[in-house]
C-alpha atoms as a PDB file:
ATOM      1  CA  MET A   1      -0.075   0.003  -0.056  1.00  0.00           C
ATOM      2  CA  ARG A   2       1.473   3.438  -0.976  1.00  0.00           C
ATOM      3  CA  LYS A   3       1.306   6.376   1.433  1.00  0.00           C
ATOM      4  CA  ILE A   4       2.192   9.960   1.003  1.00  0.00           C
ATOM      5  CA  VAL A   5       3.054  11.995   4.122  1.00  0.00           C
ATOM      6  CA  MET A   6       2.688  15.640   3.823  1.00  0.00           C
ATOM      7  CA  LYS A   7       3.536  18.598   6.277  1.00  0.00           C
ATOM      8  CA  LYS A   8       0.511  20.592   7.221  1.00  0.00           C
ATOM      9  CA  PRO A   9       0.495  23.702   5.232  1.00  0.00           C
ATOM     10  CA  GLY A  10       1.914  26.677   7.100  1.00  0.00           C
ATOM     11  CA  SER A  11       3.281  24.469   9.921  1.00  0.00           C
ATOM     12  CA  LEU A  12       6.861  23.513  10.655  1.00  0.00           C
ATOM     13  CA  SER A  13       5.964  21.399  13.514  1.00  0.00           C
ATOM     14  CA  PRO A  14       6.770  17.651  13.226  1.00  0.00           C
ATOM     15  CA  ASN A  15       3.975  16.766  15.742  1.00  0.00           C
ATOM     16  CA  LYS A  16       1.299  16.621  13.261  1.00  0.00           C
ATOM     17  CA  ALA A  17       1.211  15.446   9.693  1.00  0.00           C
ATOM     18  CA  PHE A  18      -1.485  14.678   7.108  1.00  0.00           C
ATOM     19  CA  VAL A  19      -1.172  11.042   6.040  1.00  0.00           C
ATOM     20  CA  VAL A  20      -2.900  10.277   2.851  1.00  0.00           C
ATOM     21  CA  ASN A  21      -3.690   6.720   1.964  1.00  0.00           C
ATOM     22  CA  LEU A  22      -4.343   6.433  -1.765  1.00  0.00           C
ATOM     23  CA  ASN A  23      -7.025   3.713  -0.858  1.00  0.00           C
ATOM     24  CA  LYS A  24      -8.588   5.452   2.126  1.00  0.00           C
ATOM     25  CA  PRO A  25      -9.851   8.894   2.956  1.00  0.00           C
ATOM     26  CA  PRO A  26      -7.399  11.292   4.686  1.00  0.00           C
ATOM     27  CA  VAL A  27      -7.028  10.988   8.466  1.00  0.00           C
ATOM     28  CA  ILE A  28      -5.246  13.191  10.850  1.00  0.00           C
ATOM     29  CA  VAL A  29      -2.536  11.753  13.337  1.00  0.00           C
ATOM     30  CA  ALA A  30      -2.549  14.032  16.304  1.00  0.00           C
ATOM     31  CA  SER A  31       0.227  13.976  19.053  1.00  0.00           C
ATOM     32  CA  LYS A  32      -0.327  13.838  22.752  1.00  0.00           C
ATOM     33  CA  LEU A  33       0.361  17.588  23.128  1.00  0.00           C
ATOM     34  CA  HIS A  34      -2.495  18.354  20.836  1.00  0.00           C
ATOM     35  CA  LEU A  35      -4.988  16.078  22.661  1.00  0.00           C
ATOM     36  CA  ILE A  36      -4.144  17.865  25.997  1.00  0.00           C
ATOM     37  CA  ALA A  37      -4.810  21.190  24.111  1.00  0.00           C
ATOM     38  CA  LEU A  38      -8.085  19.852  22.940  1.00  0.00           C
ATOM     39  CA  PHE A  39      -9.322  18.791  26.406  1.00  0.00           C
ATOM     40  CA  MET A  40      -8.193  22.162  27.877  1.00  0.00           C
ATOM     41  CA  LEU A  41     -10.193  23.957  25.219  1.00  0.00           C
ATOM     42  CA  LEU A  42     -13.258  21.918  25.985  1.00  0.00           C
ATOM     43  CA  PHE A  43     -12.885  22.593  29.736  1.00  0.00           C
ATOM     44  CA  ALA A  44     -12.689  26.320  29.220  1.00  0.00           C
ATOM     45  CA  MET A  45     -15.678  26.177  26.968  1.00  0.00           C
ATOM     46  CA  THR A  46     -17.656  24.366  29.624  1.00  0.00           C
ATOM     47  CA  GLY A  47     -16.573  26.890  32.292  1.00  0.00           C
ATOM     48  CA  ILE A  48     -17.998  29.736  29.941  1.00  0.00           C
ATOM     49  CA  SER A  49     -21.191  27.875  29.571  1.00  0.00           C
ATOM     50  CA  LYS A  50     -21.843  27.659  33.158  1.00  0.00           C
ATOM     51  CA  ALA A  51     -20.978  31.282  33.726  1.00  0.00           C
ATOM     52  CA  GLU A  52     -23.413  32.222  30.901  1.00  0.00           C
ATOM     53  CA  GLU A  53     -26.106  29.968  32.430  1.00  0.00           C
ATOM     54  CA  LYS A  54     -25.861  31.796  35.748  1.00  0.00           C
ATOM     55  CA  ALA A  55     -26.075  35.111  34.084  1.00  0.00           C
ATOM     56  CA  ARG A  56     -29.220  34.037  32.291  1.00  0.00           C
ATOM     57  CA  LEU A  57     -30.840  33.142  35.632  1.00  0.00           C
ATOM     58  CA  LEU A  58     -30.415  36.816  36.693  1.00  0.00           C
ATOM     59  CA  GLU A  59     -32.140  38.284  33.529  1.00  0.00           C
ATOM     60  CA  GLY A  60     -35.208  40.253  33.988  1.00  0.00           C
ATOM     61  CA  PRO A  61     -37.286  41.511  37.070  1.00  0.00           C
ATOM     62  CA  TYR A  62     -36.927  40.054  40.452  1.00  0.00           C
ATOM     63  CA  LEU A  63     -33.474  38.738  39.972  1.00  0.00           C
ATOM     64  CA  GLY A  64     -34.691  36.666  37.062  1.00  0.00           C
ATOM     65  CA  GLN A  65     -36.671  34.634  39.364  1.00  0.00           C
ATOM     66  CA  THR A  66     -40.134  32.972  38.166  1.00  0.00           C
ATOM     67  CA  PRO A  67     -42.888  34.643  40.347  1.00  0.00           C
ATOM     68  CA  PRO A  68     -44.600  32.453  42.720  1.00  0.00           C
ATOM     69  CA  GLY A  69     -48.365  31.856  43.065  1.00  0.00           C
ATOM     70  CA  ASN A  70     -50.435  31.337  46.263  1.00  0.00           C
ATOM     71  CA  THR A  71     -47.746  29.091  47.876  1.00  0.00           C
ATOM     72  CA  PRO A  72     -44.672  30.706  49.397  1.00  0.00           C
ATOM     73  CA  GLU A  73     -41.388  29.813  47.770  1.00  0.00           C
ATOM     74  CA  VAL A  74     -37.686  30.375  48.719  1.00  0.00           C
ATOM     75  CA  PHE A  75     -36.611  33.510  46.824  1.00  0.00           C
ATOM     76  CA  ALA A  76     -33.525  33.044  44.592  1.00  0.00           C
ATOM     77  CA  PRO A  77     -32.352  29.633  45.979  1.00  0.00           C
ATOM     78  CA  GLY A  78     -28.634  29.296  45.754  1.00  0.00           C
ATOM     79  CA  ILE A  79     -28.080  32.902  44.826  1.00  0.00           C
ATOM     80  CA  VAL A  80     -29.687  34.818  47.663  1.00  0.00           C
ATOM     81  CA  SER A  81     -31.235  32.194  50.045  1.00  0.00           C
ATOM     82  CA  THR A  82     -28.753  29.467  50.890  1.00  0.00           C
ATOM     83  CA  LYS A  83     -28.149  27.078  53.807  1.00  0.00           C
ATOM     84  CA  HIS A  84     -26.648  30.045  55.566  1.00  0.00           C
ATOM     85  CA  TYR A  85     -28.245  33.119  56.960  1.00  0.00           C
ATOM     86  CA  SER A  86     -30.075  35.528  54.408  1.00  0.00           C
ATOM     87  CA  TYR A  87     -32.431  38.145  55.688  1.00  0.00           C
ATOM     88  CA  GLY A  88     -33.994  41.480  54.952  1.00  0.00           C
ATOM     89  CA  GLY A  89     -34.421  41.321  51.213  1.00  0.00           C
ATOM     90  CA  VAL A  90     -35.751  44.469  49.758  1.00  0.00           C
ATOM     91  CA  PHE A  91     -36.199  46.321  46.416  1.00  0.00           C
ATOM     92  CA  ASN A  92     -35.651  49.962  46.172  1.00  0.00           C
ATOM     93  CA  PRO A  93     -38.757  51.898  44.957  1.00  0.00           C
ATOM     94  CA  ASP A  94     -37.338  51.969  41.234  1.00  0.00           C
ATOM     95  CA  MET A  95     -36.969  48.098  41.463  1.00  0.00           C
ATOM     96  CA  ASN A  96     -33.427  48.312  40.091  1.00  0.00           C
ATOM     97  CA  ALA A  97     -31.529  47.536  43.195  1.00  0.00           C
ATOM     98  CA  PHE A  98     -31.951  44.623  45.769  1.00  0.00           C
ATOM     99  CA  TYR A  99     -30.462  44.562  49.220  1.00  0.00           C
ATOM    100  CA  PHE A 100     -30.142  41.894  51.712  1.00  0.00           C
ATOM    101  CA  LEU A 101     -28.122  40.441  54.587  1.00  0.00           C
ATOM    102  CA  ARG A 102     -26.207  37.277  54.439  1.00  0.00           C
ATOM    103  CA  LYS A 103     -23.558  35.073  55.891  1.00  0.00           C
ATOM    104  CA  THR A 104     -21.346  33.014  53.594  1.00  0.00           C
ATOM    105  CA  SER A 105     -20.552  30.544  56.267  1.00  0.00           C
ATOM    106  CA  GLU A 106     -21.346  29.937  59.887  1.00  0.00           C
ATOM    107  CA  GLU A 107     -18.201  31.645  61.103  1.00  0.00           C
ATOM    108  CA  ALA A 108     -18.406  34.665  58.655  1.00  0.00           C
ATOM    109  CA  ASP A 109     -19.583  38.125  59.680  1.00  0.00           C
ATOM    110  CA  ILE A 110     -23.005  39.264  58.359  1.00  0.00           C
ATOM    111  CA  GLU A 111     -22.770  41.613  55.244  1.00  0.00           C
ATOM    112  CA  LEU A 112     -25.020  43.784  53.463  1.00  0.00           C
ATOM    113  CA  VAL A 113     -25.099  42.769  49.756  1.00  0.00           C
ATOM    114  CA  LEU A 114     -26.438  45.020  46.906  1.00  0.00           C
ATOM    115  CA  TYR A 115     -27.407  43.605  43.396  1.00  0.00           C
ATOM    116  CA  ARG A 116     -28.002  46.091  40.852  1.00  0.00           C
ATOM    117  CA  PHE A 117     -30.084  45.809  37.533  1.00  0.00           C
ATOM    118  CA  GLU A 118     -28.276  47.052  34.387  1.00  0.00           C
ATOM    119  CA  GLN A 119     -28.985  46.138  30.795  1.00  0.00           C
ATOM    120  CA  ASN A 120     -31.817  43.573  31.892  1.00  0.00           C
ATOM    121  CA  ARG A 121     -29.338  41.656  34.091  1.00  0.00           C
ATOM    122  CA  TRP A 122     -28.692  41.662  37.852  1.00  0.00           C
ATOM    123  CA  TYR A 123     -25.103  41.816  39.115  1.00  0.00           C
ATOM    124  CA  GLU A 124     -23.617  41.551  42.642  1.00  0.00           C
ATOM    125  CA  HIS A 125     -22.506  45.271  42.891  1.00  0.00           C
ATOM    126  CA  SER A 126     -21.184  45.637  46.424  1.00  0.00           C
ATOM    127  CA  LYS A 127     -20.838  44.291  49.951  1.00  0.00           C
ATOM    128  CA  SER A 128     -20.519  46.372  53.078  1.00  0.00           C
ATOM    129  CA  ARG A 129     -20.827  46.381  56.862  1.00  0.00           C
ATOM    130  CA  PRO A 130     -24.540  46.614  57.785  1.00  0.00           C
ATOM    131  CA  GLU A 131     -25.735  49.535  59.774  1.00  0.00           C
ATOM    132  CA  GLY A 132     -29.236  48.298  60.531  1.00  0.00           C
ATOM    133  CA  GLN A 133     -32.306  46.737  58.974  1.00  0.00           C
ATOM    134  CA  LEU A 134     -32.841  48.521  55.687  1.00  0.00           C
ATOM    135  CA  SER A 135     -35.978  49.905  54.132  1.00  0.00           C
ATOM    136  CA  PHE A 136     -36.864  52.666  51.945  1.00  0.00           C
ATOM    137  CA  SER A 137     -39.284  55.586  52.038  1.00  0.00           C
ATOM    138  CA  PRO A 138     -41.845  55.129  49.216  1.00  0.00           C
ATOM    139  CA  ASP A 139     -40.368  58.032  47.198  1.00  0.00           C
ATOM    140  CA  GLY A 140     -36.959  56.484  47.557  1.00  0.00           C
ATOM    141  CA  ASP A 141     -35.305  59.544  49.040  1.00  0.00           C
ATOM    142  CA  MET A 142     -34.647  58.137  52.441  1.00  0.00           C
ATOM    143  CA  MET A 143     -32.940  54.830  53.298  1.00  0.00           C
ATOM    144  CA  HIS A 144     -34.043  53.628  56.775  1.00  0.00           C
ATOM    145  CA  LEU A 145     -31.662  51.821  58.942  1.00  0.00           C
ATOM    146  CA  GLY A 146     -33.566  51.260  62.312  1.00  0.00           C
ATOM    147  CA  ASP A 147     -32.798  54.150  64.479  1.00  0.00           C
ATOM    148  CA  LYS A 148     -30.582  55.793  61.670  1.00  0.00           C
ATOM    149  CA  TYR A 149     -31.108  56.914  58.083  1.00  0.00           C
ATOM    150  CA  LYS A 150     -29.377  58.194  54.925  1.00  0.00           C
ATOM    151  CA  LEU A 151     -30.696  60.740  52.240  1.00  0.00           C
ATOM    152  CA  ARG A 152     -30.433  60.236  48.503  1.00  0.00           C
ATOM    153  CA  THR A 153     -28.190  62.741  46.914  1.00  0.00           C
ATOM    154  CA  GLN A 154     -27.096  63.483  43.387  1.00  0.00           C
ATOM    155  CA  SER A 155     -23.914  61.480  43.802  1.00  0.00           C
ATOM    156  CA  GLY A 156     -25.414  58.485  45.830  1.00  0.00           C
ATOM    157  CA  TRP A 157     -26.346  58.227  49.498  1.00  0.00           C
ATOM    158  CA  SER A 158     -25.476  60.724  52.189  1.00  0.00           C
ATOM    159  CA  GLU A 159     -23.623  60.070  55.578  1.00  0.00           C
ATOM    160  CA  THR A 160     -25.725  58.296  58.161  1.00  0.00           C
ATOM    161  CA  PHE A 161     -27.829  60.371  60.543  1.00  0.00           C
ATOM    162  CA  GLY A 162     -29.565  59.641  63.831  1.00  0.00           C
ATOM    163  CA  LEU A 163     -33.228  60.048  64.233  1.00  0.00           C
ATOM    164  CA  GLY A 164     -32.765  62.519  67.008  1.00  0.00           C
ATOM    165  CA  PRO A 165     -33.964  62.881  70.715  1.00  0.00           C
ATOM    166  CA  LEU A 166     -37.577  61.854  70.139  1.00  0.00           C
ATOM    167  CA  PHE A 167     -36.389  58.289  69.352  1.00  0.00           C
ATOM    168  CA  GLU A 168     -33.324  57.837  71.619  1.00  0.00           C
ATOM    169  CA  LYS A 169     -35.114  55.983  74.281  1.00  0.00           C
ATOM    170  CA  HIS A 170     -36.293  53.268  71.827  1.00  0.00           C
ATOM    171  CA  GLU A 171     -34.088  50.407  70.786  1.00  0.00           C
ATOM    172  CA  ILE A 172     -35.429  50.195  67.145  1.00  0.00           C
ATOM    173  CA  MET A 173     -34.868  47.171  65.175  1.00  0.00           C
ATOM    174  CA  ARG A 174     -36.844  47.964  62.036  1.00  0.00           C
ATOM    175  CA  LEU A 175     -38.585  51.149  60.794  1.00  0.00           C
ATOM    176  CA  THR A 176     -40.712  51.570  57.729  1.00  0.00           C
ATOM    177  CA  SER A 177     -42.595  54.558  56.532  1.00  0.00           C
ATOM    178  CA  SER A 178     -45.599  55.710  54.504  1.00  0.00           C
ATOM    179  CA  SER A 179     -46.015  58.393  51.690  1.00  0.00           C
ATOM    180  CA  LYS A 180     -47.275  60.751  54.308  1.00  0.00           C
ATOM    181  CA  GLY A 181     -43.989  60.347  56.096  1.00  0.00           C
ATOM    182  CA  THR A 182     -45.489  58.371  59.047  1.00  0.00           C
ATOM    183  CA  PHE A 183     -42.857  56.253  60.688  1.00  0.00           C
ATOM    184  CA  VAL A 184     -43.786  52.824  62.198  1.00  0.00           C
ATOM    185  CA  PHE A 185     -41.112  50.955  64.229  1.00  0.00           C
ATOM    186  CA  ASP A 186     -40.653  48.181  66.818  1.00  0.00           C
ATOM    187  CA  GLU A 187     -38.170  48.073  69.671  1.00  0.00           C
ATOM    188  CA  MET A 188     -35.968  45.327  71.017  1.00  0.00           C
ATOM    189  CA  GLY A 189     -38.137  43.044  73.431  1.00  0.00           C
ATOM    190  CA  TRP A 190     -35.557  40.389  74.277  1.00  0.00           C
ATOM    191  CA  PRO A 191     -35.619  38.258  76.466  1.00  0.00           C
ATOM    192  CA  ASP A 192     -39.363  38.519  77.443  1.00  0.00           C
ATOM    193  CA  GLY A 193     -40.809  39.688  74.050  1.00  0.00           C
ATOM    194  CA  ASP A 194     -42.269  42.947  75.657  1.00  0.00           C
ATOM    195  CA  GLY A 195     -41.282  45.071  72.841  1.00  0.00           C
ATOM    196  CA  VAL A 196     -44.134  47.587  71.688  1.00  0.00           C
ATOM    197  CA  ILE A 197     -44.729  48.841  68.082  1.00  0.00           C
ATOM    198  CA  HIS A 198     -44.993  52.579  67.768  1.00  0.00           C
ATOM    199  CA  PHE A 199     -45.774  55.297  65.135  1.00  0.00           C
ATOM    200  CA  SER A 200     -44.653  58.817  64.769  1.00  0.00           C
ATOM    201  CA  ARG A 201     -46.463  61.086  62.257  1.00  0.00           C
ATOM    202  CA  ARG A 202     -45.173  64.237  60.444  1.00  0.00           C
ATOM    203  CA  ILE A 203     -47.848  66.966  61.118  1.00  0.00           C
ATOM    204  CA  ASN A 204     -47.427  70.506  59.474  1.00  0.00           C
ATOM    205  CA  GLY A 205     -43.811  69.626  58.670  1.00  0.00           C
ATOM    206  CA  GLU A 206     -42.966  68.717  62.265  1.00  0.00           C
ATOM    207  CA  ARG A 207     -42.170  65.234  63.558  1.00  0.00           C
ATOM    208  CA  GLU A 208     -44.424  64.160  66.522  1.00  0.00           C
ATOM    209  CA  ALA A 209     -43.271  62.174  69.475  1.00  0.00           C
ATOM    210  CA  PRO A 210     -43.760  58.405  68.947  1.00  0.00           C
ATOM    211  CA  LYS A 211     -46.823  56.795  70.308  1.00  0.00           C
ATOM    212  CA  PRO A 212     -47.754  53.160  70.924  1.00  0.00           C
ATOM    213  CA  PHE A 213     -50.304  51.362  68.812  1.00  0.00           C
ATOM    214  CA  GLY A 214     -53.389  50.119  70.669  1.00  0.00           C
ATOM    215  CA  PRO A 215     -54.209  46.475  71.741  1.00  0.00           C
ATOM    216  CA  ALA A 216     -55.324  45.578  68.192  1.00  0.00           C
ATOM    217  CA  ILE A 217     -51.449  45.627  67.360  1.00  0.00           C
ATOM    218  CA  ASN A 218     -49.666  45.397  70.693  1.00  0.00           C
ATOM    219  CA  THR A 219     -51.264  42.139  72.162  1.00  0.00           C
ATOM    220  CA  GLY A 220     -49.396  38.968  72.819  1.00  0.00           C
ATOM    221  CA  THR A 221     -45.538  38.915  72.775  1.00  0.00           C
ATOM    222  CA  PHE A 222     -42.807  39.630  70.458  1.00  0.00           C
ATOM    223  CA  ASN A 223     -44.639  42.186  68.417  1.00  0.00           C
ATOM    224  CA  ALA A 224     -42.018  43.157  65.865  1.00  0.00           C
ATOM    225  CA  HIS A 225     -40.853  44.102  62.225  1.00  0.00           C
ATOM    226  CA  PRO A 226     -43.726  46.293  61.282  1.00  0.00           C
ATOM    227  CA  PHE A 227     -44.452  47.172  57.513  1.00  0.00           C
ATOM    228  CA  ILE A 228     -46.859  49.869  56.896  1.00  0.00           C
ATOM    229  CA  ALA A 229     -48.570  50.312  53.459  1.00  0.00           C
ATOM    230  CA  LYS A 230     -47.536  53.350  51.664  1.00  0.00           C
ATOM    231  CA  ASP A 231     -51.114  54.681  51.570  1.00  0.00           C
ATOM    232  CA  GLU A 232     -51.404  53.538  55.281  1.00  0.00           C
ATOM    233  CA  SER A 233     -54.320  51.338  54.633  1.00  0.00           C
ATOM    234  CA  TYR A 234     -52.775  48.271  56.358  1.00  0.00           C
ATOM    235  CA  LEU A 235     -50.032  47.294  58.791  1.00  0.00           C
ATOM    236  CA  ILE A 236     -48.260  43.855  58.709  1.00  0.00           C
ATOM    237  CA  TRP A 237     -46.060  42.673  61.548  1.00  0.00           C
ATOM    238  CA  ASP A 238     -45.173  39.519  63.409  1.00  0.00           C
ATOM    239  CA  SER A 239     -46.401  38.324  66.810  1.00  0.00           C
ATOM    240  CA  ARG A 240     -46.494  35.451  69.188  1.00  0.00           C
ATOM    241  CA  ARG A 241     -50.220  34.807  70.255  1.00  0.00           C
ATOM    242  CA  ALA A 242     -52.113  32.024  71.839  1.00  0.00           C
ATOM    243  CA  GLU A 243     -54.181  31.492  68.654  1.00  0.00           C
ATOM    244  CA  GLY A 244     -51.169  31.407  66.394  1.00  0.00           C
ATOM    245  CA  PHE A 245     -49.863  28.472  64.405  1.00  0.00           C
ATOM    246  CA  GLY A 246     -46.280  28.574  65.863  1.00  0.00           C
ATOM    247  CA  GLY A 247     -43.318  30.406  67.280  1.00  0.00           C
ATOM    248  CA  SER A 248     -44.074  33.534  65.407  1.00  0.00           C
ATOM    249  CA  ASP A 249     -46.968  34.388  62.971  1.00  0.00           C
ATOM    250  CA  LEU A 250     -47.637  37.265  60.558  1.00  0.00           C
ATOM    251  CA  TYR A 251     -50.638  39.344  61.177  1.00  0.00           C
ATOM    252  CA  ILE A 252     -52.343  42.253  59.200  1.00  0.00           C
ATOM    253  CA  SER A 253     -54.614  45.038  60.448  1.00  0.00           C
ATOM    254  CA  PHE A 254     -56.507  47.422  58.296  1.00  0.00           C
ATOM    255  CA  LYS A 255     -57.195  51.033  58.979  1.00  0.00           C
ATOM    256  CA  GLN A 256     -60.793  51.830  59.543  1.00  0.00           C
ATOM    257  CA  GLU A 257     -62.781  54.868  58.159  1.00  0.00           C
ATOM    258  CA  ASP A 258     -62.405  56.517  61.638  1.00  0.00           C
ATOM    259  CA  GLY A 259     -58.690  56.131  61.517  1.00  0.00           C
ATOM    260  CA  SER A 260     -58.559  53.394  64.110  1.00  0.00           C
ATOM    261  CA  TRP A 261     -56.946  49.986  63.452  1.00  0.00           C
ATOM    262  CA  GLY A 262     -59.010  46.845  62.934  1.00  0.00           C
ATOM    263  CA  GLU A 263     -58.495  43.547  64.717  1.00  0.00           C
ATOM    264  CA  ALA A 264     -55.388  41.653  63.923  1.00  0.00           C
ATOM    265  CA  ILE A 265     -55.972  39.033  61.286  1.00  0.00           C
ATOM    266  CA  ASN A 266     -53.710  36.013  61.006  1.00  0.00           C
ATOM    267  CA  LEU A 267     -52.272  35.713  57.538  1.00  0.00           C
ATOM    268  CA  GLY A 268     -53.290  31.906  57.649  1.00  0.00           C
ATOM    269  CA  GLU A 269     -51.735  28.522  57.413  1.00  0.00           C
ATOM    270  CA  GLY A 270     -50.878  29.254  53.873  1.00  0.00           C
ATOM    271  CA  ILE A 271     -48.287  31.732  55.057  1.00  0.00           C
ATOM    272  CA  ASN A 272     -47.706  30.885  58.700  1.00  0.00           C
ATOM    273  CA  THR A 273     -46.202  27.547  59.969  1.00  0.00           C
ATOM    274  CA  SER A 274     -45.302  25.997  63.213  1.00  0.00           C
ATOM    275  CA  GLY A 275     -42.045  27.743  63.151  1.00  0.00           C
ATOM    276  CA  TRP A 276     -40.863  31.434  62.683  1.00  0.00           C
ATOM    277  CA  ASP A 277     -42.558  33.398  60.106  1.00  0.00           C
ATOM    278  CA  ALA A 278     -41.595  36.999  60.431  1.00  0.00           C
ATOM    279  CA  ALA A 279     -40.299  40.401  59.119  1.00  0.00           C
ATOM    280  CA  ALA A 280     -42.532  40.843  56.126  1.00  0.00           C
ATOM    281  CA  SER A 281     -42.810  43.547  53.354  1.00  0.00           C
ATOM    282  CA  ILE A 282     -44.504  44.236  50.206  1.00  0.00           C
ATOM    283  CA  THR A 283     -42.601  44.841  46.893  1.00  0.00           C
ATOM    284  CA  PRO A 284     -42.735  48.508  45.815  1.00  0.00           C
ATOM    285  CA  ASP A 285     -44.927  47.362  42.831  1.00  0.00           C
ATOM    286  CA  GLY A 286     -47.311  45.852  45.341  1.00  0.00           C
ATOM    287  CA  LYS A 287     -47.319  42.454  43.803  1.00  0.00           C
ATOM    288  CA  TYR A 288     -45.387  40.198  46.293  1.00  0.00           C
ATOM    289  CA  LEU A 289     -45.046  39.632  50.021  1.00  0.00           C
ATOM    290  CA  PHE A 290     -41.498  38.905  51.171  1.00  0.00           C
ATOM    291  CA  PHE A 291     -41.028  37.341  54.558  1.00  0.00           C
ATOM    292  CA  HIS A 292     -38.674  35.139  56.319  1.00  0.00           C
ATOM    293  CA  ARG A 293     -38.565  31.416  57.625  1.00  0.00           C
ATOM    294  CA  LEU A 294     -35.890  29.308  59.131  1.00  0.00           C
ATOM    295  CA  ASN A 295     -34.256  26.575  56.951  1.00  0.00           C
ATOM    296  CA  GLU A 296     -33.230  23.065  57.969  1.00  0.00           C
ATOM    297  CA  SER A 297     -30.005  24.468  59.340  1.00  0.00           C
ATOM    298  CA  GLY A 298     -31.825  26.998  61.610  1.00  0.00           C
ATOM    299  CA  ASN A 299     -30.920  29.864  59.605  1.00  0.00           C
ATOM    300  CA  ALA A 300     -33.289  32.655  58.309  1.00  0.00           C
ATOM    301  CA  ASN A 301     -34.083  32.363  54.580  1.00  0.00           C
ATOM    302  CA  ILE A 302     -36.166  34.842  52.377  1.00  0.00           C
ATOM    303  CA  TYR A 303     -39.491  33.721  51.034  1.00  0.00           C
ATOM    304  CA  TRP A 304     -42.042  35.347  48.687  1.00  0.00           C
ATOM    305  CA  VAL A 305     -45.564  34.825  47.725  1.00  0.00           C
ATOM    306  CA  ASP A 306     -48.197  36.529  45.420  1.00  0.00           C
ATOM    307  CA  ALA A 307     -49.771  39.413  47.488  1.00  0.00           C
ATOM    308  CA  THR A 308     -53.189  39.421  45.911  1.00  0.00           C
ATOM    309  CA  PHE A 309     -54.538  37.449  49.019  1.00  0.00           C
ATOM    310  CA  ILE A 310     -54.310  40.722  51.087  1.00  0.00           C
ATOM    311  CA  GLU A 311     -57.349  42.092  49.356  1.00  0.00           C
ATOM    312  CA  ASN A 312     -59.253  38.874  50.159  1.00  0.00           C
ATOM    313  CA  LEU A 313     -58.578  39.442  53.897  1.00  0.00           C
ATOM    314  CA  ARG A 314     -59.824  43.082  53.756  1.00  0.00           C
ATOM    315  CA  PRO A 315     -62.930  43.432  55.590  1.00  0.00           C
ATOM    316  CA  THR A 316     -66.078  44.377  53.370  1.00  0.00           C
ATOM    317  CA  LYS A 317     -67.892  47.613  54.335  1.00  0.00           C
END
């Protein structure tokens, strides 16, 4: 059998040659070096594919997550909610930034993580030391941090300010606000759970001294993490009560026509469990309820659920 061996055009390397059998189709004889290079190329391509797949998961609203229905689901599993601590997930009013607290291991310190939405994708933008439980005023001009706050400026966020003498006696954990500027906040209630939820209105441009809500809100123990609707039509918080489902349940109260607050309504077994269900808020677009449960490792995780059920709970006139 006759063979003709030709060097590859443009190559001076003896490691590869075209072997032409006049009786068979051409074949390529590759050296061990070229096989190694081929495997490295395939490995690199696989890595790029995984990175692209992860990026695609973060495309679109809500960190690219498929919105839930009437059954609560873990929010962004493996990205935001992991086996470690994740807590306090909140979107800014423009829905183009998402903040949450996390630990990357049991030994790690808690960090505040910011994801930003740019060109239809979410990116982990920054990590920083937390200053308090974060929420936003409905207009987005104030970032609440418990007993502190920041103001939005043309270049970003201002330095941190304290709330002032009216609030100094309260050990505030979480504060939220309405479009009218009403502050609603809790206070540290450990170890007996005797914390009280307060409100403070802005009247004629002046901040009034905080006042406690009545027994419709402040009944039971561990009343905490209040969220007030931007139109002040309802208040959501968590509490431990005798008629509850477990360690802590989520409740809602609707404001009455006379300005008083209606009786507390348990959000029901679809939301509350025999464990800890707490620290709820509504997304700025009004579509989803975010809240927290403990995972199998005993750490807080972020859950979300369609918020249309709230209107079903609203008492009829």
